[in-house]
């Protein structure tokens, strides 16, 4: 199971912040969303994959404690801090990039 989770986590932690920031930029550019709302949504939705990853990890550890069956290997457990730091860093960088991009964006016509 761990072999499937690690690539899935890596893809979601990398792609979700990028997709959210691009979508929010396009919505601001078309005039459907304010800059402040777009930055807030980008920050919240970019951190969401990291929160879900930690939640799944803690649930697996809890199940392991209740049943005594090892669901989380030691190698997988060691990736938790790296994935959390990388995910939060990417979310922060994406939000800052969107903020700078929206700072220099001209108002939409109309």
Foldseek 3Di string as FASTA:
>chain_A
DLVVVVVVLVCCLPPFLVVLLVVLLVCQQVPNDPLVVSLVRSLVRLLVSLVVVVVVVVVQVVVCVVPVDRPADPVNVVCNVVSNVSSNVNSVVSSVVSNVVVVPDDHHDD
